[in-house]
Protein backbone atom coordinates (compact mmCIF):
# COMPACT_ATOMS: atom_id res chain seq x y z
CA UNK A 1 23.40 30.11 -154.65
CA UNK A 2 21.18 27.34 -152.65
CA UNK A 3 23.16 24.43 -151.47
CA UNK A 4 21.49 21.15 -150.27
CA UNK A 5 21.98 19.85 -146.83
CA UNK A 6 22.83 16.33 -146.02
CA UNK A 7 20.77 14.05 -144.25
CA UNK A 8 23.92 13.50 -142.04
CA UNK A 9 23.80 16.97 -141.03
CA UNK A 10 20.56 16.47 -139.53
CA UNK A 11 18.68 19.53 -141.58
CA UNK A 12 17.10 16.45 -143.89
CA UNK A 13 17.20 17.42 -147.69
CA UNK A 14 16.39 21.09 -148.89
CA UNK A 15 17.36 24.61 -148.49
CA UNK A 16 18.86 25.75 -145.06
CA UNK A 17 17.36 28.64 -143.69
CA UNK A 18 19.45 29.40 -140.85
CA UNK A 19 22.22 31.95 -141.01
CA UNK A 20 24.79 31.17 -138.52
CA UNK A 21 26.85 33.54 -136.21
CA UNK A 22 30.43 34.20 -137.41
CA UNK A 23 30.43 32.65 -140.47
CA UNK A 24 29.76 33.03 -144.10
CA UNK A 25 26.28 32.60 -145.21
CA UNK A 26 27.50 30.70 -148.59
CA UNK A 27 29.87 28.45 -146.64
CA UNK A 28 26.88 27.65 -144.75
CA UNK A 29 24.86 26.12 -147.76
CA UNK A 30 28.04 25.00 -149.50
CA UNK A 31 29.46 23.07 -145.98
CA UNK A 32 26.86 21.71 -144.03
CA UNK A 33 27.80 22.56 -140.03
CA UNK A 34 27.92 19.74 -137.40
CA UNK A 35 24.45 18.99 -135.71
CA UNK A 36 24.93 18.53 -132.09
CA UNK A 37 21.78 16.31 -131.41
CA UNK A 38 21.82 15.69 -127.39
CA UNK A 39 24.22 16.37 -124.37
CA UNK A 40 24.98 14.43 -120.96
CA UNK A 41 26.79 15.33 -118.53
CA UNK A 42 30.18 16.49 -120.19
CA UNK A 43 29.86 14.84 -123.16
CA UNK A 44 27.97 15.66 -126.49
CA UNK A 45 26.34 13.61 -129.53
CA UNK A 46 25.61 14.62 -133.14
CA UNK A 47 23.30 13.67 -135.13
CA UNK A 48 25.19 10.61 -136.63
CA UNK A 49 25.33 9.11 -132.74
CA UNK A 50 29.10 9.95 -132.21
CA UNK A 51 29.70 11.00 -128.37
CA UNK A 52 32.27 13.38 -127.77
CA UNK A 53 33.74 14.85 -124.80
CA UNK A 54 33.29 18.57 -124.62
CA UNK A 55 36.44 20.33 -124.22
CA UNK A 56 35.13 23.82 -124.61
CA UNK A 57 31.77 23.97 -122.64
CA UNK A 58 30.00 24.52 -125.82
CA UNK A 59 32.64 25.65 -128.14
CA UNK A 60 32.16 29.08 -126.33
CA UNK A 61 33.06 28.55 -122.48
CA UNK A 62 29.39 28.54 -121.24
CA UNK A 63 28.17 25.23 -119.77
CA UNK A 64 30.18 25.25 -116.64
CA UNK A 65 28.17 22.96 -114.81
CA UNK A 66 27.60 20.26 -117.93
CA UNK A 67 24.60 19.23 -119.69
CA UNK A 68 23.00 16.97 -116.89
CA UNK A 69 22.23 19.93 -114.00
CA UNK A 70 18.88 18.60 -113.17
CA UNK A 71 18.40 21.22 -110.15
CA UNK A 72 18.79 24.30 -113.14
CA UNK A 73 16.29 22.43 -115.06
CA UNK A 74 13.58 21.88 -112.42
CA UNK A 75 14.35 25.57 -111.32
CA UNK A 76 13.40 26.75 -114.71
CA UNK A 77 10.23 24.90 -115.49
CA UNK A 78 8.97 25.57 -111.94
CA UNK A 79 9.37 29.35 -112.83
CA UNK A 80 7.71 28.84 -116.18
CA UNK A 81 4.57 27.32 -114.02
CA UNK A 82 4.65 30.32 -111.52
CA UNK A 83 6.01 33.25 -113.63
CA UNK A 84 6.77 32.80 -117.08
CA UNK A 85 7.75 36.64 -117.88
CA UNK A 86 6.89 40.25 -116.81
CA UNK A 87 8.94 43.35 -117.72
CA UNK A 88 11.28 44.46 -114.86
CA UNK A 89 10.99 48.17 -116.35
CA UNK A 90 10.11 50.84 -114.04
CA UNK A 91 7.79 50.48 -111.33
CA UNK A 92 7.75 46.49 -111.69
CA UNK A 93 9.82 43.76 -110.28
CA UNK A 94 10.05 40.02 -109.47
CA UNK A 95 11.01 38.04 -106.86
CA UNK A 96 13.73 35.99 -108.60
CA UNK A 97 15.52 39.18 -110.01
CA UNK A 98 15.81 40.44 -106.55
CA UNK A 99 16.91 37.55 -104.83
CA UNK A 100 19.34 36.86 -107.86
CA UNK A 101 20.76 40.65 -107.31
CA UNK A 102 21.34 40.08 -103.63
CA UNK A 103 23.18 36.88 -104.22
CA UNK A 104 25.60 38.21 -106.86
CA UNK A 105 26.41 41.44 -104.33
CA UNK A 106 26.32 39.55 -100.94
CA UNK A 107 28.03 35.72 -102.16
CA UNK A 108 29.87 36.35 -105.09
CA UNK A 109 31.23 39.86 -105.92
CA UNK A 110 31.21 41.74 -101.95
CA UNK A 111 35.05 41.31 -102.00
CA UNK A 112 35.21 43.25 -105.23
CA UNK A 113 32.95 46.28 -103.66
CA UNK A 114 30.08 45.61 -106.19
CA UNK A 115 26.95 47.07 -104.59
CA UNK A 116 24.32 47.31 -107.70
CA UNK A 117 23.09 44.78 -109.98
CA UNK A 118 21.57 45.81 -113.85
CA UNK A 119 20.60 42.75 -115.79
CA UNK A 120 20.35 42.15 -119.41
CA UNK A 121 20.33 39.40 -121.92
CA UNK A 122 24.04 38.15 -122.11
CA UNK A 123 27.38 39.32 -122.15
CA UNK A 124 27.22 41.66 -125.16
CA UNK A 125 24.21 43.40 -123.54
CA UNK A 126 26.23 43.49 -120.46
CA UNK A 127 29.06 45.08 -121.94
CA UNK A 128 27.02 47.95 -123.62
CA UNK A 129 25.21 48.37 -120.22
CA UNK A 130 28.71 49.32 -118.68
CA UNK A 131 29.70 51.50 -121.36
CA UNK A 132 26.33 53.33 -120.98
CA UNK A 133 26.28 53.61 -117.64
CA UNK A 134 29.82 54.84 -117.51
CA UNK A 135 29.22 57.54 -119.72
CA UNK A 136 26.29 58.77 -118.01
CA UNK A 137 28.28 58.43 -114.63
CA UNK A 138 30.38 61.39 -115.93
CA UNK A 139 27.70 63.52 -116.87
CA UNK A 140 26.03 63.26 -113.21
CA UNK A 141 29.19 64.34 -111.98
CA UNK A 142 29.34 66.96 -114.46
CA UNK A 143 32.32 65.68 -116.65
CA UNK A 144 30.61 65.65 -119.71
CA UNK A 145 33.51 65.55 -121.79
CA UNK A 146 34.87 62.02 -120.32
CA UNK A 147 33.35 59.94 -123.30
CA UNK A 148 35.95 57.85 -124.46
CA UNK A 149 37.01 54.24 -123.79
CA UNK A 150 40.52 52.55 -124.02
CA UNK A 151 40.68 48.73 -124.76
CA UNK A 152 43.54 46.10 -124.91
CA UNK A 153 44.17 44.83 -128.25
CA UNK A 154 43.29 41.22 -128.23
CA UNK A 155 40.44 41.82 -126.27
CA UNK A 156 37.01 40.65 -127.22
CA UNK A 157 33.81 42.64 -125.78
CA UNK A 158 30.97 41.36 -128.06
CA UNK A 159 29.61 42.38 -131.30
CA UNK A 160 27.13 45.52 -130.28
CA UNK A 161 28.67 48.41 -131.92
CA UNK A 162 30.20 49.53 -128.07
CA UNK A 163 31.83 46.35 -127.51
CA UNK A 164 32.63 45.85 -131.29
CA UNK A 165 34.55 48.88 -131.31
CA UNK A 166 36.59 47.93 -128.10
CA UNK A 167 37.19 44.79 -130.06
CA UNK A 168 40.82 44.82 -132.07
CA UNK A 169 40.28 41.73 -134.52
CA UNK A 170 40.01 42.79 -137.91
CA UNK A 171 37.29 40.07 -138.74
CA UNK A 172 34.79 41.25 -136.35
CA UNK A 173 35.22 45.06 -137.18
CA UNK A 174 36.13 45.99 -141.05
CA UNK A 175 32.64 44.90 -142.36
CA UNK A 176 30.75 47.10 -139.75
CA UNK A 177 33.13 50.14 -139.80
CA UNK A 178 32.90 53.15 -138.82
CA UNK A 179 32.35 52.23 -135.32
CA UNK A 180 31.99 54.19 -132.31
CA UNK A 181 34.19 56.85 -132.29
CA UNK A 182 36.55 57.74 -129.30
CA UNK A 183 37.79 54.20 -128.67
CA UNK A 184 41.48 53.68 -128.45
CA UNK A 185 43.79 50.66 -127.85
CA UNK A 186 46.85 49.66 -126.27
CA UNK A 187 48.92 46.74 -126.26
CA UNK A 188 48.10 43.44 -124.74
CA UNK A 189 50.58 42.12 -122.15
CA UNK A 190 51.41 38.83 -124.20
CA UNK A 191 54.55 37.42 -123.45
CA UNK A 192 54.86 35.51 -126.68
CA UNK A 193 54.02 38.19 -129.48
CA UNK A 194 54.22 41.82 -128.10
CA UNK A 195 55.50 45.04 -130.05
CA UNK A 196 58.03 45.47 -127.87
CA UNK A 197 59.89 41.84 -127.95
CA UNK A 198 59.85 41.52 -124.36
CA UNK A 199 59.83 38.05 -123.12
CA UNK A 200 60.06 39.12 -119.23
CA UNK A 201 56.74 39.31 -117.65
CA UNK A 202 57.25 41.60 -114.89
CA UNK A 203 58.66 44.18 -117.59
CA UNK A 204 56.32 43.73 -120.09
CA UNK A 205 53.26 44.09 -117.23
CA UNK A 206 55.08 47.68 -116.91
CA UNK A 207 55.37 48.47 -120.29
CA UNK A 208 51.73 47.56 -121.12
CA UNK A 209 50.52 49.81 -118.02
CA UNK A 210 52.84 52.65 -119.30
CA UNK A 211 51.10 52.83 -122.52
CA UNK A 212 48.07 53.19 -120.77
CA UNK A 213 48.97 55.91 -118.93
CA UNK A 214 50.69 57.69 -121.74
CA UNK A 215 47.12 57.15 -123.99
CA UNK A 216 45.11 58.47 -120.94
CA UNK A 217 47.54 61.57 -120.79
CA UNK A 218 47.45 62.03 -125.01
CA UNK A 219 44.00 61.99 -125.31
CA UNK A 220 43.23 64.29 -122.10
CA UNK A 221 42.21 62.24 -118.80
CA UNK A 222 39.46 64.58 -118.51
CA UNK A 223 38.38 63.14 -121.81
CA UNK A 224 38.44 59.17 -120.93
CA UNK A 225 35.61 57.22 -119.65
CA UNK A 226 36.65 54.23 -118.85
CA UNK A 227 39.46 51.46 -119.35
CA UNK A 228 38.06 48.09 -120.31
CA UNK A 229 39.59 44.65 -120.43
CA UNK A 230 38.91 41.09 -119.53
CA UNK A 231 40.77 39.95 -116.86
CA UNK A 232 42.24 37.16 -119.00
CA UNK A 233 41.34 37.97 -122.91
CA UNK A 234 39.32 35.03 -124.39
CA UNK A 235 38.65 34.99 -128.41
CA UNK A 236 41.25 37.58 -128.46
CA UNK A 237 44.22 34.84 -128.28
CA UNK A 238 43.46 33.90 -124.65
CA UNK A 239 46.32 36.07 -122.72
CA UNK A 240 47.11 35.25 -118.86
CA UNK A 241 48.82 38.87 -118.09
CA UNK A 242 51.77 39.32 -115.97
CA UNK A 243 50.99 39.35 -111.90
CA UNK A 244 51.84 42.91 -112.02
CA UNK A 245 49.56 44.45 -114.74
CA UNK A 246 46.03 44.50 -113.35
CA UNK A 247 47.45 46.22 -109.92
CA UNK A 248 49.02 48.74 -112.21
CA UNK A 249 46.20 49.32 -114.04
CA UNK A 250 43.78 49.86 -111.12
CA UNK A 251 46.64 52.29 -109.81
CA UNK A 252 46.65 54.33 -113.07
CA UNK A 253 42.55 54.67 -113.28
CA UNK A 254 43.10 55.95 -109.65
CA UNK A 255 45.34 58.15 -110.27
CA UNK A 256 43.82 59.69 -113.16
CA UNK A 257 39.91 59.01 -112.37
CA UNK A 258 39.11 56.83 -115.13
CA UNK A 259 36.73 54.07 -114.44
CA UNK A 260 37.81 50.49 -114.56
CA UNK A 261 35.33 48.10 -116.19
CA UNK A 262 36.31 44.81 -115.89
CA UNK A 263 34.68 42.06 -118.65
CA UNK A 264 34.13 39.11 -116.76
CA UNK A 265 31.66 37.57 -119.29
CA UNK A 266 33.77 34.21 -119.52
CA UNK A 267 36.19 34.57 -116.18
CA UNK A 268 33.42 35.04 -113.59
CA UNK A 269 32.16 32.10 -111.39
CA UNK A 270 35.44 30.10 -111.37
CA UNK A 271 36.53 29.63 -114.91
CA UNK A 272 40.06 31.01 -113.98
CA UNK A 273 40.52 29.19 -110.57
CA UNK A 274 38.95 32.04 -108.92
CA UNK A 275 35.30 33.24 -108.14
CA UNK A 276 36.16 35.91 -110.44
CA UNK A 277 38.93 36.70 -112.64
CA UNK A 278 39.69 40.33 -111.15
CA UNK A 279 40.22 38.31 -107.45
CA UNK A 280 42.92 36.18 -109.29
CA UNK A 281 44.87 39.80 -108.79
CA UNK A 282 43.07 41.36 -105.78
CA UNK A 283 41.72 44.10 -107.97
CA UNK A 284 38.36 46.08 -107.46
CA UNK A 285 37.06 47.04 -110.73
CA UNK A 286 34.11 49.54 -110.82
CA UNK A 287 32.11 47.95 -112.87
CA UNK A 288 31.71 44.17 -113.98
CA UNK A 289 29.96 42.58 -116.27
CA UNK A 290 29.29 38.43 -116.28
CA UNK A 291 27.08 36.34 -118.05
CA UNK A 292 28.04 32.81 -119.59
CA UNK A 293 28.44 31.03 -116.56
CA UNK A 294 25.70 32.63 -114.49
CA UNK A 295 23.01 29.85 -115.95
CA UNK A 296 25.49 27.61 -117.25
CA UNK A 297 24.07 28.39 -120.41
CA UNK A 298 20.64 26.94 -119.65
CA UNK A 299 18.95 30.31 -120.19
CA UNK A 300 20.14 33.56 -122.07
CA UNK A 301 20.83 36.08 -118.91
CA UNK A 302 23.94 39.23 -118.31
CA UNK A 303 24.23 41.22 -115.59
CA UNK A 304 26.42 44.44 -115.15
CA UNK A 305 27.41 44.99 -111.72
CA UNK A 306 28.08 48.41 -110.24
CA UNK A 307 30.29 49.50 -107.56
CA UNK A 308 28.70 51.63 -104.29
CA UNK A 309 30.79 54.93 -105.38
CA UNK A 310 29.22 54.74 -109.22
CA UNK A 311 25.72 53.50 -107.56
CA UNK A 312 25.65 56.43 -105.03
CA UNK A 313 26.21 58.94 -107.95
CA UNK A 314 23.29 57.88 -109.57
CA UNK A 315 20.97 57.52 -106.49
CA UNK A 316 21.95 60.85 -105.37
CA UNK A 317 20.81 62.45 -108.55
CA UNK A 318 18.12 64.40 -108.44
CA UNK A 319 17.50 65.48 -112.13
CA UNK A 320 16.67 63.65 -115.27
CA UNK A 321 20.93 62.84 -115.95
CA UNK A 322 20.37 60.31 -113.37
CA UNK A 323 17.33 58.54 -115.34
CA UNK A 324 18.69 55.32 -116.90
CA UNK A 325 17.12 55.59 -120.19
CA UNK A 326 18.63 52.05 -121.04
CA UNK A 327 17.56 48.55 -120.89
CA UNK A 328 15.99 45.09 -122.36
CA UNK A 329 12.72 43.60 -122.76
CA UNK A 330 14.33 40.70 -121.04
CA UNK A 331 15.87 42.55 -118.45
CA UNK A 332 15.50 40.81 -115.03
CA UNK A 333 13.66 37.68 -116.79
CA UNK A 334 12.18 35.61 -113.89
CA UNK A 335 12.93 32.39 -115.62
CA UNK A 336 16.27 33.41 -116.07
CA UNK A 337 17.08 34.45 -112.72
CA UNK A 338 15.32 31.28 -111.25
CA UNK A 339 18.00 29.48 -113.53
CA UNK A 340 21.12 31.62 -112.51
CA UNK A 341 19.97 31.26 -108.70
CA UNK A 342 19.89 27.64 -109.30
CA UNK A 343 23.34 27.54 -111.03
CA UNK A 344 24.96 29.50 -108.33
CA UNK A 345 23.83 27.19 -105.77
CA UNK A 346 25.52 24.10 -107.58
CA UNK A 347 28.45 26.34 -108.03
CA UNK A 348 28.91 27.21 -104.46
CA UNK A 349 27.94 24.20 -102.69
CA UNK A 350 30.40 22.24 -105.26
CA UNK A 351 33.29 25.07 -105.19
CA UNK A 352 33.49 24.68 -108.83
CA UNK A 353 36.41 27.72 -108.93
CA UNK A 354 38.51 25.00 -106.61
CA UNK A 355 38.07 22.29 -109.10
CA UNK A 356 39.04 24.49 -112.25
CA UNK A 357 42.48 25.53 -110.23
CA UNK A 358 43.13 21.86 -109.80
CA UNK A 359 42.06 20.43 -113.07
CA UNK A 360 43.53 23.47 -115.02
CA UNK A 361 47.11 22.78 -113.32
CA UNK A 362 46.74 19.15 -114.77
CA UNK A 363 46.08 20.62 -117.86
CA UNK A 364 48.57 22.61 -118.39
CA UNK A 365 51.17 20.01 -117.04
CA UNK A 366 50.22 17.37 -119.73
CA UNK A 367 50.14 20.14 -122.38
CA UNK A 368 53.38 21.31 -121.83
CA UNK A 369 54.75 17.58 -122.09
CA UNK A 370 53.35 17.69 -125.54
CA UNK A 371 55.03 21.22 -125.84
CA UNK A 372 58.24 19.52 -125.02
CA UNK A 373 57.23 16.37 -127.60
CA UNK A 374 55.92 18.45 -130.35
CA UNK A 375 57.80 21.30 -132.40
CA UNK A 376 55.10 22.29 -134.02
CA UNK A 377 53.66 23.62 -130.66
CA UNK A 378 54.87 27.15 -130.09
CA UNK A 379 53.38 28.42 -126.88
CA UNK A 380 50.92 27.08 -124.31
CA UNK A 381 49.53 29.23 -121.70
CA UNK A 382 46.41 29.69 -119.09
CA UNK A 383 44.56 30.01 -116.32
CA UNK A 384 42.02 27.70 -114.29
CA UNK A 385 40.07 25.86 -116.95
CA UNK A 386 40.88 28.53 -120.04
CA UNK A 387 43.95 27.26 -122.02
CA UNK A 388 45.28 27.87 -125.53
CA UNK A 389 47.80 26.42 -127.57
CA UNK A 390 49.37 28.33 -130.49
CA UNK A 391 50.59 26.05 -133.23
CA UNK A 392 53.42 27.18 -135.24
CA UNK A 393 55.51 25.83 -138.45
CA UNK A 394 58.91 27.63 -137.01
CA UNK A 395 59.06 27.98 -133.43
CA UNK A 396 62.19 30.63 -133.56
CA UNK A 397 59.98 32.77 -136.47
CA UNK A 398 56.91 32.00 -134.43
CA UNK A 399 55.40 31.76 -138.47
CA UNK A 400 51.56 31.02 -137.41
CA UNK A 401 50.59 27.05 -138.81
CA UNK A 402 48.26 27.41 -141.62
CA UNK A 403 44.78 27.00 -141.22
CA UNK A 404 44.31 23.85 -143.52
CA UNK A 405 47.08 21.61 -141.19
CA UNK A 406 45.15 22.97 -137.98
CA UNK A 407 41.80 21.36 -139.60
CA UNK A 408 43.62 18.53 -139.99
CA UNK A 409 44.76 18.15 -136.35
CA UNK A 410 41.32 19.60 -135.28
CA UNK A 411 39.82 16.27 -137.11
CA UNK A 412 41.72 13.51 -135.67
CA UNK A 413 41.28 15.01 -132.30
CA UNK A 414 37.75 14.81 -133.17
CA UNK A 415 38.10 11.37 -134.35
CA UNK A 416 39.75 10.44 -131.22
CA UNK A 417 36.47 11.53 -129.25
CA UNK A 418 37.22 15.10 -127.82
CA UNK A 419 35.61 18.43 -129.04
CA UNK A 420 38.03 21.40 -129.03
CA UNK A 421 38.00 24.90 -130.07
CA UNK A 422 40.14 25.01 -133.56
CA UNK A 423 41.18 28.33 -135.09
CA UNK A 424 43.13 29.25 -138.05
CA UNK A 425 46.53 28.48 -135.44
CA UNK A 426 45.55 27.47 -132.13
CA UNK A 427 43.43 25.17 -130.32
CA UNK A 428 41.49 26.40 -127.55
CA UNK A 429 40.36 24.20 -124.36
CA UNK A 430 37.59 25.13 -121.66
CA UNK A 431 36.21 22.40 -120.60
CA UNK A 432 33.12 22.14 -118.06
CA UNK A 433 34.23 23.42 -114.31
CA UNK A 434 33.20 19.90 -113.16
CA UNK A 435 35.28 17.52 -115.15
CA UNK A 436 37.56 15.03 -113.56
CA UNK A 437 41.15 13.97 -113.63
CA UNK A 438 40.12 11.32 -116.31
CA UNK A 439 38.63 13.64 -118.56
CA UNK A 440 41.69 15.90 -118.70
CA UNK A 441 43.86 12.78 -119.10
CA UNK A 442 41.45 12.36 -122.47
CA UNK A 443 41.72 15.40 -123.64
CA UNK A 444 45.79 15.41 -123.54
CA UNK A 445 45.72 12.64 -125.49
CA UNK A 446 43.30 13.31 -127.80
CA UNK A 447 45.79 16.35 -128.56
CA UNK A 448 48.84 14.16 -128.60
CA UNK A 449 47.11 12.16 -131.18
CA UNK A 450 46.37 14.81 -133.27
CA UNK A 451 49.56 16.55 -133.29
CA UNK A 452 51.44 13.10 -134.02
CA UNK A 453 49.61 12.79 -137.19
CA UNK A 454 50.26 15.73 -139.11
């Protein structure tokens, strides 16, 4: 059945030929999506001329430096004039990719012990690369049975078959099963909802870390390639782990020789109030994945970072097992790397992670006031400028709010001039890292209005 899209949606009359990610094709035809026509600073404007404060950084925590980062736009234009594209496969390189590699290691992730960079086109690519390299690392080491992965329930790692296998949400798994064999999951240390009904964060951190160790032992430590997790889970529910969880994870992985992969696609470059999420807990992963904020969304780019121990295994190998038979057409894209260099300069000059910490504290304080005011709020949590509100019918039973009511709340918030990310029973917030106090106040006021009118 073919739908007709309205002129108001910005498509003109007629059939839409565009299938959208994470949506049902039939819904696209019958319910035209909102057309975003333009953007400036931290605001977006839709095709009807409505201007909204974007409290989501492009809905996916991407546009960390706002929509008016002229320095990035100029860097892209200048690089297009010099070298718009050339492969970075074996035997070729380009200056922006080499310089960005140096900046990422020396200026951003030296405290985490990172030593090498492998570029890709985005976060999903970066995760897939980390999974492949971790398996290959163990083959180089002669431990060919180490092919399994362990991940967190509530984690999200993209939609490639590898990353999707690490995911735990049925919505991104069921229609594509069977997925990658040898992937196992442990509970997420989420005090609001967990299988232990444990509300003490330190105790819960210990329990979940113990589940990791028990799973490693059950599977056989000599079969586990890596444990993969986000420092703060994002699309899977935005869970800020207890303070002891990540240090315990690092200790357990080291004890059993398991690689630790930190998926920092969202958390790197300031989102959590730190330069990367791992640093919030003083943890050094073996591999890290980054994307999104690396260019503030101005160009698709991702990267996998490798620590010295893993890098030395590859670089000291003298046979074909050490050859990386993996890569992407746009790995090390000169324009993308030029955009990232400009984004890095801005982020470091403005120390955006410090603003994220301050504004994030203000946001949580404001939302806690709403928590006391509105019984429909079950939980508020966040770190830096990544925050989530869980909505419930009843606080005691924690029954999630129905999607229709959540949708009405979203509509009111939008009418108040703020764009948030609403799911079935939650509101997600991840504004640009350059937002000001007045923006935070506007976000909180709009949410208050939305909750007051249900």
